[in-house]
Amino acid sequence: MAASELGLMPTTEGSLDLKMNITELLDGYPGHEHNYPTYPLSRDVVELVAQSGITYTPTLPVAYGGPWT
């Protein structure tokens, strides 16, 4: 609410918790940074992300246990 009152659009940091990412998505956050911690994502999650209009920035060096470049 504070961000909304100030005209800010908060982007959430990756959490290593897909449930938290989905909660933030449903709560209306405008952006997610870093990869979602689950691969592959199920179709319903992909559709939810797409329909929400959230900005998703999968910063590739943050791979949550994947190979570092």
PDB file of N, CA and C in Angstrom:
ATOM      1  N   MET A   1       0.827  -1.186   0.000  1.00  0.00           N
ATOM      2  CA  MET A   1       0.000   0.000   0.000  1.00  0.00           C
ATOM      3  C   MET A   1       0.872   1.251   0.000  1.00  0.00           C
ATOM      4  N   ALA A   2       1.979   1.186   0.751  1.00  0.00           N
ATOM      5  CA  ALA A   2       2.870   2.338   0.798  1.00  0.00           C
ATOM      6  C   ALA A   2       3.458   2.622  -0.577  1.00  0.00           C
ATOM      7  N   ALA A   3       3.873   1.558  -1.287  1.00  0.00           N
ATOM      8  CA  ALA A   3       4.431   1.738  -2.618  1.00  0.00           C
ATOM      9  C   ALA A   3       3.391   2.339  -3.556  1.00  0.00           C
ATOM     10  N   SER A   4       2.169   1.877  -3.453  1.00  0.00           N
ATOM     11  CA  SER A   4       1.098   2.398  -4.293  1.00  0.00           C
ATOM     12  C   SER A   4       0.854   3.877  -4.022  1.00  0.00           C
ATOM     13  N   GLU A   5       0.859   4.248  -2.747  1.00  0.00           N
ATOM     14  CA  GLU A   5       0.645   5.651  -2.383  1.00  0.00           C
ATOM     15  C   GLU A   5       1.747   6.553  -2.920  1.00  0.00           C
ATOM     16  N   LEU A   6       2.969   6.003  -3.033  1.00  0.00           N
ATOM     17  CA  LEU A   6       4.101   6.772  -3.540  1.00  0.00           C
ATOM     18  C   LEU A   6       4.271   6.658  -5.049  1.00  0.00           C
ATOM     19  N   GLY A   7       3.418   5.870  -5.695  1.00  0.00           N
ATOM     20  CA  GLY A   7       3.514   5.692  -7.137  1.00  0.00           C
ATOM     21  C   GLY A   7       4.659   4.789  -7.559  1.00  0.00           C
ATOM     22  N   LEU A   8       5.117   3.916  -6.640  1.00  0.00           N
ATOM     23  CA  LEU A   8       6.215   2.997  -6.938  1.00  0.00           C
ATOM     24  C   LEU A   8       5.680   1.641  -7.351  1.00  0.00           C
ATOM     25  N   MET A   9       6.471   0.928  -8.152  1.00  0.00           N
ATOM     26  CA  MET A   9       6.103  -0.423  -8.569  1.00  0.00           C
ATOM     27  C   MET A   9       7.177  -1.376  -8.053  1.00  0.00           C
ATOM     28  N   PRO A  10       6.973  -1.984  -6.881  1.00  0.00           N
ATOM     29  CA  PRO A  10       8.002  -2.830  -6.292  1.00  0.00           C
ATOM     30  C   PRO A  10       8.202  -4.135  -7.052  1.00  0.00           C
ATOM     31  N   THR A  11       9.443  -4.494  -7.231  1.00  0.00           N
ATOM     32  CA  THR A  11       9.807  -5.766  -7.845  1.00  0.00           C
ATOM     33  C   THR A  11      10.358  -6.658  -6.753  1.00  0.00           C
ATOM     34  N   THR A  12       9.872  -7.872  -6.664  1.00  0.00           N
ATOM     35  CA  THR A  12      10.303  -8.772  -5.601  1.00  0.00           C
ATOM     36  C   THR A  12      11.591  -9.493  -5.986  1.00  0.00           C
ATOM     37  N   GLU A  13      12.365  -9.795  -4.994  1.00  0.00           N
ATOM     38  CA  GLU A  13      13.605 -10.551  -5.160  1.00  0.00           C
ATOM     39  C   GLU A  13      13.256 -12.032  -5.196  1.00  0.00           C
ATOM     40  N   GLY A  14      14.050 -12.837  -5.891  1.00  0.00           N
ATOM     41  CA  GLY A  14      13.815 -14.272  -5.923  1.00  0.00           C
ATOM     42  C   GLY A  14      13.839 -14.859  -4.526  1.00  0.00           C
ATOM     43  N   SER A  15      13.026 -15.880  -4.286  1.00  0.00           N
ATOM     44  CA  SER A  15      12.894 -16.387  -2.926  1.00  0.00           C
ATOM     45  C   SER A  15      13.238 -17.860  -2.773  1.00  0.00           C
ATOM     46  N   LEU A  16      13.577 -18.544  -3.844  1.00  0.00           N
ATOM     47  CA  LEU A  16      13.792 -19.991  -3.805  1.00  0.00           C
ATOM     48  C   LEU A  16      12.554 -20.741  -3.337  1.00  0.00           C
ATOM     49  N   ASP A  17      11.405 -20.120  -3.454  1.00  0.00           N
ATOM     50  CA  ASP A  17      10.159 -20.711  -2.971  1.00  0.00           C
ATOM     51  C   ASP A  17       9.056 -20.394  -3.979  1.00  0.00           C
ATOM     52  N   LEU A  18       8.700 -21.380  -4.784  1.00  0.00           N
ATOM     53  CA  LEU A  18       7.702 -21.156  -5.826  1.00  0.00           C
ATOM     54  C   LEU A  18       6.358 -20.743  -5.229  1.00  0.00           C
ATOM     55  N   LYS A  19       6.003 -21.295  -4.052  1.00  0.00           N
ATOM     56  CA  LYS A  19       4.741 -20.903  -3.420  1.00  0.00           C
ATOM     57  C   LYS A  19       4.742 -19.418  -3.093  1.00  0.00           C
ATOM     58  N   MET A  20       5.879 -18.910  -2.619  1.00  0.00           N
ATOM     59  CA  MET A  20       5.979 -17.479  -2.322  1.00  0.00           C
ATOM     60  C   MET A  20       5.882 -16.660  -3.606  1.00  0.00           C
ATOM     61  N   ASN A  21       6.543 -17.123  -4.672  1.00  0.00           N
ATOM     62  CA  ASN A  21       6.472 -16.422  -5.959  1.00  0.00           C
ATOM     63  C   ASN A  21       5.036 -16.344  -6.458  1.00  0.00           C
ATOM     64  N   ILE A  22       4.284 -17.435  -6.343  1.00  0.00           N
ATOM     65  CA  ILE A  22       2.888 -17.449  -6.797  1.00  0.00           C
ATOM     66  C   ILE A  22       2.045 -16.549  -5.913  1.00  0.00           C
ATOM     67  N   THR A  23       2.312 -16.544  -4.601  1.00  0.00           N
ATOM     68  CA  THR A  23       1.583 -15.658  -3.690  1.00  0.00           C
ATOM     69  C   THR A  23       1.804 -14.201  -4.071  1.00  0.00           C
ATOM     70  N   GLU A  24       3.046 -13.832  -4.355  1.00  0.00           N
ATOM     71  CA  GLU A  24       3.353 -12.462  -4.765  1.00  0.00           C
ATOM     72  C   GLU A  24       2.660 -12.121  -6.081  1.00  0.00           C
ATOM     73  N   LEU A  25       2.621 -13.091  -6.971  1.00  0.00           N
ATOM     74  CA  LEU A  25       1.956 -12.906  -8.262  1.00  0.00           C
ATOM     75  C   LEU A  25       0.468 -12.628  -8.054  1.00  0.00           C
ATOM     76  N   LEU A  26      -0.168 -13.426  -7.198  1.00  0.00           N
ATOM     77  CA  LEU A  26      -1.600 -13.255  -6.934  1.00  0.00           C
ATOM     78  C   LEU A  26      -1.885 -11.980  -6.148  1.00  0.00           C
ATOM     79  N   ASP A  27      -0.923 -11.546  -5.339  1.00  0.00           N
ATOM     80  CA  ASP A  27      -1.089 -10.312  -4.570  1.00  0.00           C
ATOM     81  C   ASP A  27      -0.949  -9.068  -5.439  1.00  0.00           C
ATOM     82  N   GLY A  28      -0.488  -9.233  -6.664  1.00  0.00           N
ATOM     83  CA  GLY A  28      -0.438  -8.119  -7.591  1.00  0.00           C
ATOM     84  C   GLY A  28       0.889  -7.402  -7.706  1.00  0.00           C
ATOM     85  N   TYR A  29       1.974  -8.021  -7.239  1.00  0.00           N
ATOM     86  CA  TYR A  29       3.280  -7.389  -7.430  1.00  0.00           C
ATOM     87  C   TYR A  29       3.546  -7.246  -8.926  1.00  0.00           C
ATOM     88  N   PRO A  30       4.154  -6.153  -9.357  1.00  0.00           N
ATOM     89  CA  PRO A  30       4.350  -5.925 -10.780  1.00  0.00           C
ATOM     90  C   PRO A  30       5.560  -6.626 -11.382  1.00  0.00           C
ATOM     91  N   GLY A  31       6.474  -7.162 -10.544  1.00  0.00           N
ATOM     92  CA  GLY A  31       7.656  -7.785 -11.128  1.00  0.00           C
ATOM     93  C   GLY A  31       8.314  -8.822 -10.250  1.00  0.00           C
ATOM     94  N   HIS A  32       8.958  -9.782 -10.894  1.00  0.00           N
ATOM     95  CA  HIS A  32       9.787 -10.804 -10.239  1.00  0.00           C
ATOM     96  C   HIS A  32      11.178 -10.763 -10.844  1.00  0.00           C
ATOM     97  N   GLU A  33      12.187 -10.815  -9.979  1.00  0.00           N
ATOM     98  CA  GLU A  33      13.570 -10.924 -10.446  1.00  0.00           C
ATOM     99  C   GLU A  33      14.077 -12.334 -10.150  1.00  0.00           C
ATOM    100  N   HIS A  34      14.923 -12.805 -10.988  1.00  0.00           N
ATOM    101  CA  HIS A  34      15.602 -14.106 -10.876  1.00  0.00           C
ATOM    102  C   HIS A  34      14.703 -15.252 -11.323  1.00  0.00           C
ATOM    103  N   ASN A  35      15.341 -16.361 -11.598  1.00  0.00           N
ATOM    104  CA  ASN A  35      14.630 -17.528 -12.113  1.00  0.00           C
ATOM    105  C   ASN A  35      13.657 -18.076 -11.084  1.00  0.00           C
ATOM    106  N   TYR A  36      12.552 -18.627 -11.579  1.00  0.00           N
ATOM    107  CA  TYR A  36      11.675 -19.372 -10.671  1.00  0.00           C
ATOM    108  C   TYR A  36      12.423 -20.648 -10.294  1.00  0.00           C
ATOM    109  N   PRO A  37      12.317 -21.084  -9.032  1.00  0.00           N
ATOM    110  CA  PRO A  37      13.176 -22.159  -8.539  1.00  0.00           C
ATOM    111  C   PRO A  37      12.759 -23.566  -8.943  1.00  0.00           C
ATOM    112  N   THR A  38      11.790 -23.704  -9.797  1.00  0.00           N
ATOM    113  CA  THR A  38      11.308 -25.020 -10.212  1.00  0.00           C
ATOM    114  C   THR A  38      11.378 -25.125 -11.728  1.00  0.00           C
ATOM    115  N   TYR A  39      11.844 -26.267 -12.213  1.00  0.00           N
ATOM    116  CA  TYR A  39      11.902 -26.489 -13.661  1.00  0.00           C
ATOM    117  C   TYR A  39      11.547 -27.938 -13.930  1.00  0.00           C
ATOM    118  N   PRO A  40      10.723 -28.208 -14.900  1.00  0.00           N
ATOM    119  CA  PRO A  40       9.943 -27.261 -15.694  1.00  0.00           C
ATOM    120  C   PRO A  40       8.723 -26.791 -14.907  1.00  0.00           C
ATOM    121  N   LEU A  41       8.235 -25.614 -15.246  1.00  0.00           N
ATOM    122  CA  LEU A  41       7.008 -25.105 -14.640  1.00  0.00           C
ATOM    123  C   LEU A  41       5.814 -25.801 -15.275  1.00  0.00           C
ATOM    124  N   SER A  42       4.802 -26.074 -14.479  1.00  0.00           N
ATOM    125  CA  SER A  42       3.604 -26.703 -15.032  1.00  0.00           C
ATOM    126  C   SER A  42       2.843 -25.677 -15.878  1.00  0.00           C
ATOM    127  N   ARG A  43       2.039 -26.185 -16.761  1.00  0.00           N
ATOM    128  CA  ARG A  43       1.322 -25.326 -17.715  1.00  0.00           C
ATOM    129  C   ARG A  43       0.439 -24.302 -17.004  1.00  0.00           C
ATOM    130  N   ASP A  44      -0.226 -24.710 -15.917  1.00  0.00           N
ATOM    131  CA  ASP A  44      -1.111 -23.776 -15.229  1.00  0.00           C
ATOM    132  C   ASP A  44      -0.331 -22.614 -14.610  1.00  0.00           C
ATOM    133  N   VAL A  45       0.892 -22.870 -14.126  1.00  0.00           N
ATOM    134  CA  VAL A  45       1.715 -21.789 -13.576  1.00  0.00           C
ATOM    135  C   VAL A  45       2.159 -20.850 -14.691  1.00  0.00           C
ATOM    136  N   VAL A  46       2.565 -21.412 -15.823  1.00  0.00           N
ATOM    137  CA  VAL A  46       2.980 -20.590 -16.963  1.00  0.00           C
ATOM    138  C   VAL A  46       1.826 -19.702 -17.424  1.00  0.00           C
ATOM    139  N   GLU A  47       0.625 -20.266 -17.508  1.00  0.00           N
ATOM    140  CA  GLU A  47      -0.534 -19.483 -17.930  1.00  0.00           C
ATOM    141  C   GLU A  47      -0.882 -18.401 -16.912  1.00  0.00           C
ATOM    142  N   LEU A  48      -0.756 -18.716 -15.613  1.00  0.00           N
ATOM    143  CA  LEU A  48      -1.025 -17.727 -14.571  1.00  0.00           C
ATOM    144  C   LEU A  48      -0.054 -16.557 -14.673  1.00  0.00           C
ATOM    145  N   VAL A  49       1.219 -16.852 -14.854  1.00  0.00           N
ATOM    146  CA  VAL A  49       2.230 -15.802 -14.991  1.00  0.00           C
ATOM    147  C   VAL A  49       1.927 -14.946 -16.223  1.00  0.00           C
ATOM    148  N   ALA A  50       1.611 -15.598 -17.330  1.00  0.00           N
ATOM    149  CA  ALA A  50       1.342 -14.872 -18.577  1.00  0.00           C
ATOM    150  C   ALA A  50       0.113 -13.976 -18.441  1.00  0.00           C
ATOM    151  N   GLN A  51      -0.951 -14.480 -17.845  1.00  0.00           N
ATOM    152  CA  GLN A  51      -2.180 -13.712 -17.730  1.00  0.00           C
ATOM    153  C   GLN A  51      -2.097 -12.606 -16.692  1.00  0.00           C
ATOM    154  N   SER A  52      -1.168 -12.739 -15.743  1.00  0.00           N
ATOM    155  CA  SER A  52      -1.051 -11.720 -14.694  1.00  0.00           C
ATOM    156  C   SER A  52      -0.456 -10.426 -15.215  1.00  0.00           C
ATOM    157  N   GLY A  53       0.344 -10.511 -16.273  1.00  0.00           N
ATOM    158  CA  GLY A  53       1.000  -9.330 -16.809  1.00  0.00           C
ATOM    159  C   GLY A  53       2.234  -8.912 -16.023  1.00  0.00           C
ATOM    160  N   ILE A  54       2.702  -9.759 -15.118  1.00  0.00           N
ATOM    161  CA  ILE A  54       3.881  -9.451 -14.312  1.00  0.00           C
ATOM    162  C   ILE A  54       5.115  -9.357 -15.203  1.00  0.00           C
ATOM    163  N   THR A  55       6.047  -8.497 -14.823  1.00  0.00           N
ATOM    164  CA  THR A  55       7.324  -8.417 -15.520  1.00  0.00           C
ATOM    165  C   THR A  55       8.256  -9.422 -14.865  1.00  0.00           C
ATOM    166  N   TYR A  56       8.808 -10.315 -15.653  1.00  0.00           N
ATOM    167  CA  TYR A  56       9.648 -11.404 -15.144  1.00  0.00           C
ATOM    168  C   TYR A  56      11.042 -11.253 -15.719  1.00  0.00           C
ATOM    169  N   THR A  57      12.033 -11.109 -14.852  1.00  0.00           N
ATOM    170  CA  THR A  57      13.418 -10.946 -15.280  1.00  0.00           C
ATOM    171  C   THR A  57      14.231 -12.137 -14.792  1.00  0.00           C
ATOM    172  N   PRO A  58      14.405 -13.168 -15.621  1.00  0.00           N
ATOM    173  CA  PRO A  58      15.174 -14.342 -15.199  1.00  0.00           C
ATOM    174  C   PRO A  58      16.676 -14.095 -15.304  1.00  0.00           C
ATOM    175  N   THR A  59      17.256 -13.492 -14.283  1.00  0.00           N
ATOM    176  CA  THR A  59      18.690 -13.200 -14.317  1.00  0.00           C
ATOM    177  C   THR A  59      19.453 -14.519 -14.320  1.00  0.00           C
ATOM    178  N   LEU A  60      20.064 -14.812 -15.435  1.00  0.00           N
ATOM    179  CA  LEU A  60      20.647 -16.127 -15.667  1.00  0.00           C
ATOM    180  C   LEU A  60      21.778 -16.518 -14.719  1.00  0.00           C
ATOM    181  N   PRO A  61      22.624 -15.598 -14.249  1.00  0.00           N
ATOM    182  CA  PRO A  61      23.669 -16.026 -13.318  1.00  0.00           C
ATOM    183  C   PRO A  61      23.126 -16.524 -11.974  1.00  0.00           C
ATOM    184  N   VAL A  62      21.886 -16.182 -11.642  1.00  0.00           N
ATOM    185  CA  VAL A  62      21.284 -16.668 -10.401  1.00  0.00           C
ATOM    186  C   VAL A  62      20.460 -17.893 -10.758  1.00  0.00           C
ATOM    187  N   ALA A  63      21.100 -19.059 -10.752  1.00  0.00           N
ATOM    188  CA  ALA A  63      20.461 -20.274 -11.245  1.00  0.00           C
ATOM    189  C   ALA A  63      19.976 -21.205 -10.140  1.00  0.00           C
ATOM    190  N   TYR A  64      20.065 -20.786  -8.861  1.00  0.00           N
ATOM    191  CA  TYR A  64      19.572 -21.587  -7.748  1.00  0.00           C
ATOM    192  C   TYR A  64      20.048 -23.040  -7.822  1.00  0.00           C
ATOM    193  N   GLY A  65      21.342 -23.222  -7.774  1.00  0.00           N
ATOM    194  CA  GLY A  65      21.894 -24.567  -7.772  1.00  0.00           C
ATOM    195  C   GLY A  65      22.272 -25.079  -9.145  1.00  0.00           C
ATOM    196  N   GLY A  66      21.945 -24.357 -10.199  1.00  0.00           N
ATOM    197  CA  GLY A  66      22.324 -24.759 -11.541  1.00  0.00           C
ATOM    198  C   GLY A  66      23.761 -24.357 -11.832  1.00  0.00           C
ATOM    199  N   PRO A  67      24.240 -24.664 -13.007  1.00  0.00           N
ATOM    200  CA  PRO A  67      25.646 -24.343 -13.340  1.00  0.00           C
ATOM    201  C   PRO A  67      25.870 -22.842 -13.458  1.00  0.00           C
ATOM    202  N   TRP A  68      26.983 -22.351 -12.955  1.00  0.00           N
ATOM    203  CA  TRP A  68      27.369 -20.945 -13.074  1.00  0.00           C
ATOM    204  C   TRP A  68      28.141 -20.756 -14.369  1.00  0.00           C
ATOM    205  N   THR A  69      27.967 -19.630 -15.013  1.00  0.00           N
ATOM    206  CA  THR A  69      28.668 -19.363 -16.257  1.00  0.00           C
ATOM    207  C   THR A  69      29.978 -18.660 -16.001  1.00  0.00           C
TER     208      THR A  69
END
